[in-house]
């Protein structure tokens, strides 16, 4: 699962950029703190499954789709 952990931050950042969203907007949509979203995107924090699901839903995906995008790398 190391590869998934390595790619998760990049995929979240890429999806956020594709939507033209700031970290603040993603945080609001996911009901998370903006600084925590930044830590996740920089790979400084590994989100729990609940948090990963919040991010996925905020980005309009289900968790399995988000994980699949990370696995494709």
PDB file of N, CA and C in Angstrom:
ATOM      1  N   UNK A   1       0.819  -1.206   0.000  1.00  0.00           N
ATOM      2  CA  UNK A   1       0.000   0.000   0.000  1.00  0.00           C
ATOM      3  C   UNK A   1       0.856   1.261   0.000  1.00  0.00           C
ATOM      4  N   UNK A   2       2.151   1.115   0.062  1.00  0.00           N
ATOM      5  CA  UNK A   2       3.015   2.284   0.038  1.00  0.00           C
ATOM      6  C   UNK A   2       2.798   3.111  -1.212  1.00  0.00           C
ATOM      7  N   UNK A   3       2.651   2.455  -2.362  1.00  0.00           N
ATOM      8  CA  UNK A   3       2.419   3.187  -3.600  1.00  0.00           C
ATOM      9  C   UNK A   3       1.167   4.028  -3.537  1.00  0.00           C
ATOM     10  N   UNK A   4       0.104   3.462  -2.966  1.00  0.00           N
ATOM     11  CA  UNK A   4      -1.147   4.204  -2.818  1.00  0.00           C
ATOM     12  C   UNK A   4      -0.930   5.422  -1.934  1.00  0.00           C
ATOM     13  N   UNK A   5      -0.224   5.239  -0.828  1.00  0.00           N
ATOM     14  CA  UNK A   5       0.053   6.367   0.068  1.00  0.00           C
ATOM     15  C   UNK A   5       0.875   7.434  -0.633  1.00  0.00           C
ATOM     16  N   UNK A   6       1.781   7.010  -1.518  1.00  0.00           N
ATOM     17  CA  UNK A   6       2.608   7.970  -2.243  1.00  0.00           C
ATOM     18  C   UNK A   6       1.796   8.758  -3.259  1.00  0.00           C
ATOM     19  N   UNK A   7       0.812   8.119  -3.878  1.00  0.00           N
ATOM     20  CA  UNK A   7       0.049   8.760  -4.954  1.00  0.00           C
ATOM     21  C   UNK A   7      -1.194   9.501  -4.471  1.00  0.00           C
ATOM     22  N   UNK A   8      -1.726   9.136  -3.325  1.00  0.00           N
ATOM     23  CA  UNK A   8      -2.962   9.758  -2.850  1.00  0.00           C
ATOM     24  C   UNK A   8      -2.862  11.286  -2.821  1.00  0.00           C
ATOM     25  N   UNK A   9      -1.800  11.860  -2.239  1.00  0.00           N
ATOM     26  CA  UNK A   9      -1.726  13.333  -2.206  1.00  0.00           C
ATOM     27  C   UNK A   9      -1.751  13.959  -3.597  1.00  0.00           C
ATOM     28  N   UNK A  10      -1.037  13.365  -4.529  1.00  0.00           N
ATOM     29  CA  UNK A  10      -0.979  13.916  -5.891  1.00  0.00           C
ATOM     30  C   UNK A  10      -2.326  13.820  -6.594  1.00  0.00           C
ATOM     31  N   UNK A  11      -3.012  12.706  -6.396  1.00  0.00           N
ATOM     32  CA  UNK A  11      -4.316  12.522  -7.044  1.00  0.00           C
ATOM     33  C   UNK A  11      -5.327  13.516  -6.483  1.00  0.00           C
ATOM     34  N   UNK A  12      -5.339  13.693  -5.179  1.00  0.00           N
ATOM     35  CA  UNK A  12      -6.268  14.656  -4.572  1.00  0.00           C
ATOM     36  C   UNK A  12      -5.972  16.057  -5.099  1.00  0.00           C
ATOM     37  N   UNK A  13      -4.710  16.430  -5.135  1.00  0.00           N
ATOM     38  CA  UNK A  13      -4.328  17.755  -5.636  1.00  0.00           C
ATOM     39  C   UNK A  13      -4.730  17.909  -7.099  1.00  0.00           C
ATOM     40  N   UNK A  14      -4.473  16.877  -7.920  1.00  0.00           N
ATOM     41  CA  UNK A  14      -4.826  16.927  -9.337  1.00  0.00           C
ATOM     42  C   UNK A  14      -6.334  17.092  -9.526  1.00  0.00           C
ATOM     43  N   UNK A  15      -7.113  16.320  -8.799  1.00  0.00           N
ATOM     44  CA  UNK A  15      -8.570  16.419  -8.909  1.00  0.00           C
ATOM     45  C   UNK A  15      -9.067  17.795  -8.469  1.00  0.00           C
ATOM     46  N   UNK A  16      -8.457  18.323  -7.428  1.00  0.00           N
ATOM     47  CA  UNK A  16      -8.836  19.657  -6.950  1.00  0.00           C
ATOM     48  C   UNK A  16      -8.519  20.695  -8.025  1.00  0.00           C
ATOM     49  N   UNK A  17      -7.337  20.595  -8.618  1.00  0.00           N
ATOM     50  CA  UNK A  17      -6.943  21.540  -9.665  1.00  0.00           C
ATOM     51  C   UNK A  17      -7.857  21.425 -10.883  1.00  0.00           C
ATOM     52  N   UNK A  18      -8.232  20.196 -11.243  1.00  0.00           N
ATOM     53  CA  UNK A  18      -9.126  19.998 -12.386  1.00  0.00           C
ATOM     54  C   UNK A  18     -10.448  20.728 -12.190  1.00  0.00           C
ATOM     55  N   UNK A  19     -10.866  20.854 -10.954  1.00  0.00           N
ATOM     56  CA  UNK A  19     -12.121  21.544 -10.654  1.00  0.00           C
ATOM     57  C   UNK A  19     -11.931  23.043 -10.466  1.00  0.00           C
ATOM     58  N   UNK A  20     -10.683  23.476 -10.460  1.00  0.00           N
ATOM     59  CA  UNK A  20     -10.395  24.889 -10.267  1.00  0.00           C
ATOM     60  C   UNK A  20     -10.630  25.345  -8.841  1.00  0.00           C
ATOM     61  N   UNK A  21     -10.523  24.411  -7.905  1.00  0.00           N
ATOM     62  CA  UNK A  21     -10.802  24.707  -6.501  1.00  0.00           C
ATOM     63  C   UNK A  21      -9.536  25.040  -5.735  1.00  0.00           C
ATOM     64  N   UNK A  22      -9.685  25.902  -4.759  1.00  0.00           N
ATOM     65  CA  UNK A  22      -8.626  26.155  -3.791  1.00  0.00           C
ATOM     66  C   UNK A  22      -8.675  25.060  -2.725  1.00  0.00           C
ATOM     67  N   UNK A  23      -7.620  24.971  -1.934  1.00  0.00           N
ATOM     68  CA  UNK A  23      -7.644  24.040  -0.806  1.00  0.00           C
ATOM     69  C   UNK A  23      -8.779  24.405   0.146  1.00  0.00           C
ATOM     70  N   UNK A  24      -9.031  25.679   0.286  1.00  0.00           N
ATOM     71  CA  UNK A  24     -10.105  26.128   1.169  1.00  0.00           C
ATOM     72  C   UNK A  24     -11.464  25.614   0.682  1.00  0.00           C
ATOM     73  N   UNK A  25     -11.697  25.692  -0.612  1.00  0.00           N
ATOM     74  CA  UNK A  25     -12.979  25.207  -1.149  1.00  0.00           C
ATOM     75  C   UNK A  25     -13.125  23.703  -0.947  1.00  0.00           C
ATOM     76  N   UNK A  26     -12.059  22.943  -1.221  1.00  0.00           N
ATOM     77  CA  UNK A  26     -12.125  21.501  -1.006  1.00  0.00           C
ATOM     78  C   UNK A  26     -12.372  21.200   0.465  1.00  0.00           C
ATOM     79  N   UNK A  27     -11.693  21.908   1.330  1.00  0.00           N
ATOM     80  CA  UNK A  27     -11.880  21.698   2.765  1.00  0.00           C
ATOM     81  C   UNK A  27     -13.320  21.974   3.178  1.00  0.00           C
ATOM     82  N   UNK A  28     -13.892  23.047   2.660  1.00  0.00           N
ATOM     83  CA  UNK A  28     -15.283  23.368   2.976  1.00  0.00           C
ATOM     84  C   UNK A  28     -16.226  22.268   2.478  1.00  0.00           C
ATOM     85  N   UNK A  29     -16.004  21.822   1.247  1.00  0.00           N
ATOM     86  CA  UNK A  29     -16.869  20.792   0.665  1.00  0.00           C
ATOM     87  C   UNK A  29     -16.760  19.470   1.430  1.00  0.00           C
ATOM     88  N   UNK A  30     -15.558  19.194   1.959  1.00  0.00           N
ATOM     89  CA  UNK A  30     -15.319  17.933   2.672  1.00  0.00           C
ATOM     90  C   UNK A  30     -15.525  18.059   4.179  1.00  0.00           C
ATOM     91  N   UNK A  31     -15.843  19.261   4.652  1.00  0.00           N
ATOM     92  CA  UNK A  31     -15.999  19.522   6.083  1.00  0.00           C
ATOM     93  C   UNK A  31     -14.712  19.183   6.846  1.00  0.00           C
ATOM     94  N   UNK A  32     -13.597  19.696   6.303  1.00  0.00           N
ATOM     95  CA  UNK A  32     -12.285  19.504   6.909  1.00  0.00           C
ATOM     96  C   UNK A  32     -11.611  20.853   7.086  1.00  0.00           C
ATOM     97  N   UNK A  33     -10.552  20.876   7.858  1.00  0.00           N
ATOM     98  CA  UNK A  33      -9.764  22.081   8.057  1.00  0.00           C
ATOM     99  C   UNK A  33      -8.854  22.291   6.847  1.00  0.00           C
ATOM    100  N   UNK A  34      -8.740  23.517   6.359  1.00  0.00           N
ATOM    101  CA  UNK A  34      -7.924  23.810   5.185  1.00  0.00           C
ATOM    102  C   UNK A  34      -6.472  23.412   5.383  1.00  0.00           C
ATOM    103  N   UNK A  35      -5.924  23.668   6.547  1.00  0.00           N
ATOM    104  CA  UNK A  35      -4.519  23.318   6.770  1.00  0.00           C
ATOM    105  C   UNK A  35      -4.323  21.806   6.751  1.00  0.00           C
ATOM    106  N   UNK A  36      -5.328  21.053   7.192  1.00  0.00           N
ATOM    107  CA  UNK A  36      -5.236  19.597   7.155  1.00  0.00           C
ATOM    108  C   UNK A  36      -5.261  19.099   5.713  1.00  0.00           C
ATOM    109  N   UNK A  37      -6.094  19.703   4.876  1.00  0.00           N
ATOM    110  CA  UNK A  37      -6.109  19.354   3.450  1.00  0.00           C
ATOM    111  C   UNK A  37      -4.730  19.615   2.846  1.00  0.00           C
ATOM    112  N   UNK A  38      -4.115  20.719   3.212  1.00  0.00           N
ATOM    113  CA  UNK A  38      -2.766  21.025   2.721  1.00  0.00           C
ATOM    114  C   UNK A  38      -1.751  19.986   3.163  1.00  0.00           C
ATOM    115  N   UNK A  39      -1.857  19.540   4.402  1.00  0.00           N
ATOM    116  CA  UNK A  39      -0.943  18.504   4.904  1.00  0.00           C
ATOM    117  C   UNK A  39      -1.142  17.189   4.146  1.00  0.00           C
ATOM    118  N   UNK A  40      -2.384  16.860   3.846  1.00  0.00           N
ATOM    119  CA  UNK A  40      -2.671  15.644   3.078  1.00  0.00           C
ATOM    120  C   UNK A  40      -2.069  15.763   1.685  1.00  0.00           C
ATOM    121  N   UNK A  41      -2.275  16.896   1.033  1.00  0.00           N
ATOM    122  CA  UNK A  41      -1.763  17.090  -0.322  1.00  0.00           C
ATOM    123  C   UNK A  41      -0.238  17.094  -0.381  1.00  0.00           C
ATOM    124  N   UNK A  42       0.414  17.499   0.686  1.00  0.00           N
ATOM    125  CA  UNK A  42       1.872  17.496   0.730  1.00  0.00           C
ATOM    126  C   UNK A  42       2.427  16.164   1.234  1.00  0.00           C
ATOM    127  N   UNK A  43       1.541  15.243   1.581  1.00  0.00           N
ATOM    128  CA  UNK A  43       1.978  13.934   2.056  1.00  0.00           C
ATOM    129  C   UNK A  43       2.467  13.936   3.489  1.00  0.00           C
ATOM    130  N   UNK A  44       2.143  14.982   4.232  1.00  0.00           N
ATOM    131  CA  UNK A  44       2.572  15.078   5.624  1.00  0.00           C
ATOM    132  C   UNK A  44       1.623  14.366   6.570  1.00  0.00           C
ATOM    133  N   UNK A  45       0.376  14.171   6.132  1.00  0.00           N
ATOM    134  CA  UNK A  45      -0.636  13.465   6.920  1.00  0.00           C
ATOM    135  C   UNK A  45      -1.284  12.410   6.049  1.00  0.00           C
ATOM    136  N   UNK A  46      -1.519  11.262   6.641  1.00  0.00           N
ATOM    137  CA  UNK A  46      -2.231  10.191   5.943  1.00  0.00           C
ATOM    138  C   UNK A  46      -3.655  10.179   6.479  1.00  0.00           C
ATOM    139  N   UNK A  47      -4.631  10.407   5.608  1.00  0.00           N
ATOM    140  CA  UNK A  47      -6.014  10.480   6.079  1.00  0.00           C
ATOM    141  C   UNK A  47      -6.558   9.111   6.466  1.00  0.00           C
ATOM    142  N   UNK A  48      -7.472   9.129   7.403  1.00  0.00           N
ATOM    143  CA  UNK A  48      -8.215   7.911   7.744  1.00  0.00           C
ATOM    144  C   UNK A  48      -9.141   7.578   6.585  1.00  0.00           C
ATOM    145  N   UNK A  49      -9.736   6.408   6.619  1.00  0.00           N
ATOM    146  CA  UNK A  49     -10.702   6.049   5.584  1.00  0.00           C
ATOM    147  C   UNK A  49     -11.891   6.997   5.590  1.00  0.00           C
ATOM    148  N   UNK A  50     -12.305   7.429   6.762  1.00  0.00           N
ATOM    149  CA  UNK A  50     -13.436   8.365   6.862  1.00  0.00           C
ATOM    150  C   UNK A  50     -13.070   9.686   6.172  1.00  0.00           C
ATOM    151  N   UNK A  51     -11.870  10.174   6.426  1.00  0.00           N
ATOM    152  CA  UNK A  51     -11.429  11.422   5.808  1.00  0.00           C
ATOM    153  C   UNK A  51     -11.250  11.262   4.305  1.00  0.00           C
ATOM    154  N   UNK A  52     -10.672  10.141   3.879  1.00  0.00           N
ATOM    155  CA  UNK A  52     -10.515   9.884   2.448  1.00  0.00           C
ATOM    156  C   UNK A  52     -11.879   9.845   1.769  1.00  0.00           C
ATOM    157  N   UNK A  53     -12.863   9.261   2.441  1.00  0.00           N
ATOM    158  CA  UNK A  53     -14.219   9.219   1.896  1.00  0.00           C
ATOM    159  C   UNK A  53     -14.808  10.622   1.802  1.00  0.00           C
ATOM    160  N   UNK A  54     -14.577  11.460   2.799  1.00  0.00           N
ATOM    161  CA  UNK A  54     -15.054  12.846   2.751  1.00  0.00           C
ATOM    162  C   UNK A  54     -14.452  13.579   1.562  1.00  0.00           C
ATOM    163  N   UNK A  55     -13.149  13.376   1.341  1.00  0.00           N
ATOM    164  CA  UNK A  55     -12.485  14.025   0.215  1.00  0.00           C
ATOM    165  C   UNK A  55     -13.056  13.522  -1.109  1.00  0.00           C
ATOM    166  N   UNK A  56     -13.225  12.210  -1.211  1.00  0.00           N
ATOM    167  CA  UNK A  56     -13.773  11.626  -2.433  1.00  0.00           C
ATOM    168  C   UNK A  56     -15.152  12.199  -2.727  1.00  0.00           C
ATOM    169  N   UNK A  57     -16.021  12.209  -1.741  1.00  0.00           N
ATOM    170  CA  UNK A  57     -17.386  12.708  -1.940  1.00  0.00           C
ATOM    171  C   UNK A  57     -17.389  14.190  -2.310  1.00  0.00           C
ATOM    172  N   UNK A  58     -16.510  14.956  -1.666  1.00  0.00           N
ATOM    173  CA  UNK A  58     -16.416  16.379  -1.985  1.00  0.00           C
ATOM    174  C   UNK A  58     -15.998  16.575  -3.444  1.00  0.00           C
ATOM    175  N   UNK A  59     -15.166  15.656  -3.938  1.00  0.00           N
ATOM    176  CA  UNK A  59     -14.686  15.735  -5.324  1.00  0.00           C
ATOM    177  C   UNK A  59     -15.645  15.072  -6.312  1.00  0.00           C
ATOM    178  N   UNK A  60     -16.784  14.592  -5.809  1.00  0.00           N
ATOM    179  CA  UNK A  60     -17.798  14.005  -6.667  1.00  0.00           C
ATOM    180  C   UNK A  60     -17.533  12.558  -7.046  1.00  0.00           C
ATOM    181  N   UNK A  61     -16.735  11.871  -6.242  1.00  0.00           N
ATOM    182  CA  UNK A  61     -16.391  10.477  -6.495  1.00  0.00           C
ATOM    183  C   UNK A  61     -16.784   9.629  -5.299  1.00  0.00           C
ATOM    184  N   UNK A  62     -16.852   8.318  -5.498  1.00  0.00           N
ATOM    185  CA  UNK A  62     -16.948   7.458  -4.327  1.00  0.00           C
ATOM    186  C   UNK A  62     -15.529   7.036  -3.973  1.00  0.00           C
ATOM    187  N   UNK A  63     -15.353   6.526  -2.776  1.00  0.00           N
ATOM    188  CA  UNK A  63     -14.013   6.211  -2.283  1.00  0.00           C
ATOM    189  C   UNK A  63     -13.305   5.194  -3.176  1.00  0.00           C
ATOM    190  N   UNK A  64     -14.030   4.187  -3.645  1.00  0.00           N
ATOM    191  CA  UNK A  64     -13.384   3.164  -4.470  1.00  0.00           C
ATOM    192  C   UNK A  64     -12.852   3.755  -5.781  1.00  0.00           C
ATOM    193  N   UNK A  65     -13.548   4.725  -6.338  1.00  0.00           N
ATOM    194  CA  UNK A  65     -13.082   5.374  -7.567  1.00  0.00           C
ATOM    195  C   UNK A  65     -11.826   6.190  -7.290  1.00  0.00           C
ATOM    196  N   UNK A  66     -11.808   6.890  -6.172  1.00  0.00           N
ATOM    197  CA  UNK A  66     -10.624   7.667  -5.802  1.00  0.00           C
ATOM    198  C   UNK A  66      -9.428   6.741  -5.600  1.00  0.00           C
ATOM    199  N   UNK A  67      -9.623   5.637  -4.901  1.00  0.00           N
ATOM    200  CA  UNK A  67      -8.537   4.678  -4.667  1.00  0.00           C
ATOM    201  C   UNK A  67      -8.057   4.091  -5.995  1.00  0.00           C
ATOM    202  N   UNK A  68      -8.996   3.775  -6.877  1.00  0.00           N
ATOM    203  CA  UNK A  68      -8.616   3.231  -8.192  1.00  0.00           C
ATOM    204  C   UNK A  68      -7.747   4.221  -8.968  1.00  0.00           C
ATOM    205  N   UNK A  69      -8.069   5.500  -8.880  1.00  0.00           N
ATOM    206  CA  UNK A  69      -7.240   6.515  -9.564  1.00  0.00           C
ATOM    207  C   UNK A  69      -5.843   6.554  -8.984  1.00  0.00           C
ATOM    208  N   UNK A  70      -5.742   6.337  -7.677  1.00  0.00           N
ATOM    209  CA  UNK A  70      -4.419   6.319  -7.033  1.00  0.00           C
ATOM    210  C   UNK A  70      -3.636   5.088  -7.460  1.00  0.00           C
ATOM    211  N   UNK A  71      -4.309   3.977  -7.626  1.00  0.00           N
ATOM    212  CA  UNK A  71      -3.640   2.722  -8.007  1.00  0.00           C
ATOM    213  C   UNK A  71      -3.138   2.767  -9.448  1.00  0.00           C
ATOM    214  N   UNK A  72      -3.834   3.493 -10.306  1.00  0.00           N
ATOM    215  CA  UNK A  72      -3.408   3.602 -11.710  1.00  0.00           C
ATOM    216  C   UNK A  72      -2.093   4.336 -11.828  1.00  0.00           C
ATOM    217  N   UNK A  73      -1.905   5.308 -10.899  1.00  0.00           N
ATOM    218  CA  UNK A  73      -0.701   6.093 -10.844  1.00  0.00           C
ATOM    219  C   UNK A  73      -0.116   6.398 -12.141  1.00  0.00           C
TER     220      UNK A  73
END
